[in-house]
Protein backbone atom coordinates (compact mmCIF):
# COMPACT_ATOMS: atom_id res chain seq x y z
CA MET A 1 24.52 -56.54 86.94
CA THR A 2 25.16 -53.21 88.62
CA PRO A 3 28.08 -51.21 87.16
CA ARG A 4 29.77 -48.77 89.54
CA GLN A 5 32.79 -46.50 89.39
CA ALA A 6 35.09 -45.53 92.24
CA CYS A 7 37.69 -42.82 91.82
CA CYS A 8 40.28 -40.86 93.73
CA SER A 9 39.73 -37.24 94.74
CA CYS A 10 41.40 -35.81 91.63
CA GLY A 11 39.85 -38.35 89.21
CA GLN A 12 43.18 -39.61 87.81
CA LEU A 13 42.76 -43.14 89.24
CA THR A 14 39.46 -44.91 88.57
CA LEU A 15 38.10 -48.36 89.21
CA ASP A 16 35.05 -49.83 87.46
CA VAL A 17 33.18 -52.83 88.83
CA VAL A 18 30.30 -54.87 87.48
CA GLY A 19 27.98 -56.70 89.84
CA ASP A 20 27.62 -56.75 93.58
CA PRO A 21 30.55 -57.20 95.93
CA VAL A 22 31.13 -60.57 97.57
CA ARG A 23 31.50 -58.84 100.94
CA VAL A 24 31.08 -55.39 102.47
CA SER A 25 32.72 -54.79 105.84
CA VAL A 26 33.65 -52.12 108.34
CA CYS A 27 37.08 -52.38 109.99
CA HIS A 28 37.82 -50.70 113.31
CA CYS A 29 41.49 -51.74 113.55
CA LEU A 30 43.91 -48.98 114.51
CA ALA A 31 45.75 -49.27 111.18
CA CYS A 32 42.52 -48.57 109.24
CA GLN A 33 41.80 -45.65 111.52
CA ARG A 34 45.21 -44.19 110.72
CA ARG A 35 44.95 -44.99 106.99
CA THR A 36 41.57 -43.32 106.59
CA GLY A 37 41.94 -40.56 109.14
CA SER A 38 38.52 -41.65 110.38
CA ALA A 39 37.15 -43.89 113.12
CA PHE A 40 36.99 -46.89 110.77
CA GLY A 41 37.49 -48.07 107.20
CA VAL A 42 34.80 -49.53 104.93
CA GLN A 43 35.58 -51.93 102.11
CA ALA A 44 33.69 -53.71 99.38
CA ARG A 45 35.44 -56.88 98.25
CA TYR A 46 35.05 -57.95 94.62
CA SER A 47 36.37 -60.89 92.67
CA ARG A 48 39.27 -59.74 90.51
CA GLU A 49 37.40 -60.45 87.26
CA GLN A 50 34.70 -57.91 88.26
CA VAL A 51 37.23 -55.05 88.43
CA ARG A 52 38.91 -52.81 85.84
CA ILE A 53 41.48 -50.25 87.05
CA ASP A 54 42.63 -47.22 85.02
CA GLY A 55 45.26 -44.65 85.91
CA LYS A 56 48.53 -44.58 87.77
CA SER A 57 48.88 -45.73 91.35
CA SER A 58 51.56 -46.06 93.98
CA SER A 59 51.48 -48.84 96.54
CA TYR A 60 52.24 -49.48 100.18
CA THR A 61 52.44 -52.97 101.70
CA ARG A 62 52.02 -53.72 105.39
CA VAL A 63 51.12 -56.57 107.70
CA GLY A 64 47.60 -56.19 109.06
CA ASP A 65 46.50 -56.82 112.63
CA SER A 66 45.48 -60.30 111.50
CA GLY A 67 49.03 -61.04 110.31
CA GLN A 68 47.88 -60.88 106.70
CA ILE A 69 49.92 -58.99 104.09
CA ILE A 70 47.92 -56.15 102.50
CA THR A 71 49.02 -54.00 99.56
CA PHE A 72 47.27 -50.65 99.32
CA HIS A 73 47.08 -48.75 96.02
CA PHE A 74 46.71 -45.00 96.13
CA CYS A 75 46.77 -42.07 93.72
CA PRO A 76 50.25 -40.52 93.52
CA SER A 77 48.69 -37.10 92.83
CA CYS A 78 46.02 -36.72 95.52
CA GLY A 79 46.87 -39.59 97.89
CA THR A 80 43.45 -41.26 97.94
CA THR A 81 43.64 -44.96 98.84
CA LEU A 82 41.35 -46.48 96.23
CA HIS A 83 41.83 -50.23 96.51
CA TRP A 84 43.91 -52.95 98.12
CA GLU A 85 44.86 -56.58 97.73
CA LEU A 86 44.84 -59.18 100.48
CA ALA A 87 47.53 -61.87 100.26
CA HIS A 88 45.18 -64.50 101.76
CA PHE A 89 42.56 -63.73 99.08
CA PRO A 90 44.58 -63.37 95.84
CA ASP A 91 41.47 -63.51 93.62
CA ALA A 92 39.88 -60.50 95.36
CA ILE A 93 40.26 -56.73 95.28
CA ALA A 94 38.96 -54.58 98.12
CA VAL A 95 37.68 -51.11 97.24
CA ALA A 96 37.18 -48.17 99.59
CA VAL A 97 33.38 -47.76 99.70
CA GLY A 98 33.64 -43.99 100.09
CA ALA A 99 35.43 -43.79 96.73
CA PHE A 100 32.16 -44.78 95.04
CA ALA A 101 30.57 -41.58 96.45
CA ASP A 102 27.21 -43.36 96.46
CA PRO A 103 25.03 -43.10 99.58
CA THR A 104 22.87 -45.95 98.23
CA PHE A 105 25.81 -48.39 98.31
CA LEU A 106 25.11 -51.73 99.97
CA PRO A 107 25.40 -51.74 103.78
CA PRO A 108 28.11 -53.75 105.56
CA GLN A 109 27.50 -57.37 106.52
CA PHE A 110 30.53 -57.53 108.84
CA SER A 111 32.07 -55.27 111.47
CA VAL A 112 35.58 -56.43 112.39
CA TYR A 113 37.95 -55.48 115.23
CA ASP A 114 34.95 -54.32 117.25
CA SER A 115 37.16 -54.32 120.36
CA ARG A 116 38.83 -51.20 118.87
CA ARG A 117 35.56 -49.54 117.80
CA HIS A 118 35.01 -46.03 119.13
CA PRO A 119 32.18 -46.26 121.69
CA TRP A 120 30.07 -43.66 119.86
CA VAL A 121 30.09 -45.69 116.61
CA ASP A 122 27.03 -47.87 116.10
CA ILE A 123 26.81 -50.06 112.99
CA ALA A 124 23.08 -50.69 112.60
CA GLY A 125 21.31 -53.49 110.80
CA PRO A 126 21.96 -57.22 110.48
CA VAL A 127 25.75 -57.08 110.85
CA ARG A 128 28.04 -59.84 112.09
CA HIS A 129 30.35 -58.34 114.76
CA GLU A 130 33.82 -59.78 115.29
CA SER A 131 36.34 -58.77 117.91
């Protein structure tokens, strides 16, 4: 089992996981672009029992492009969005892959909202693309 730690920019909020994620995906929806300040968001989804969270967080809930309710948890000190919960998958926690700060992290298996992908972004490898 691979242990990993994700943390916010200031280190106050941390998240420890054991084992591999059940899914790694890239999201090109406009809401993820705004949330990350980047061209896309990248998440690793874990079963809730794989995750331990330490530190204080604030939350923001919104309805995603899919109509699904998503609650984002972020550090109240530095503002880093560390993890989120998907109402349709209550036994899962999604973690921002960049918060692991590990260039060897597993590559994405899915690329979603490809219709909103910036044309210069190319997700290489065996990835399932969904509009």
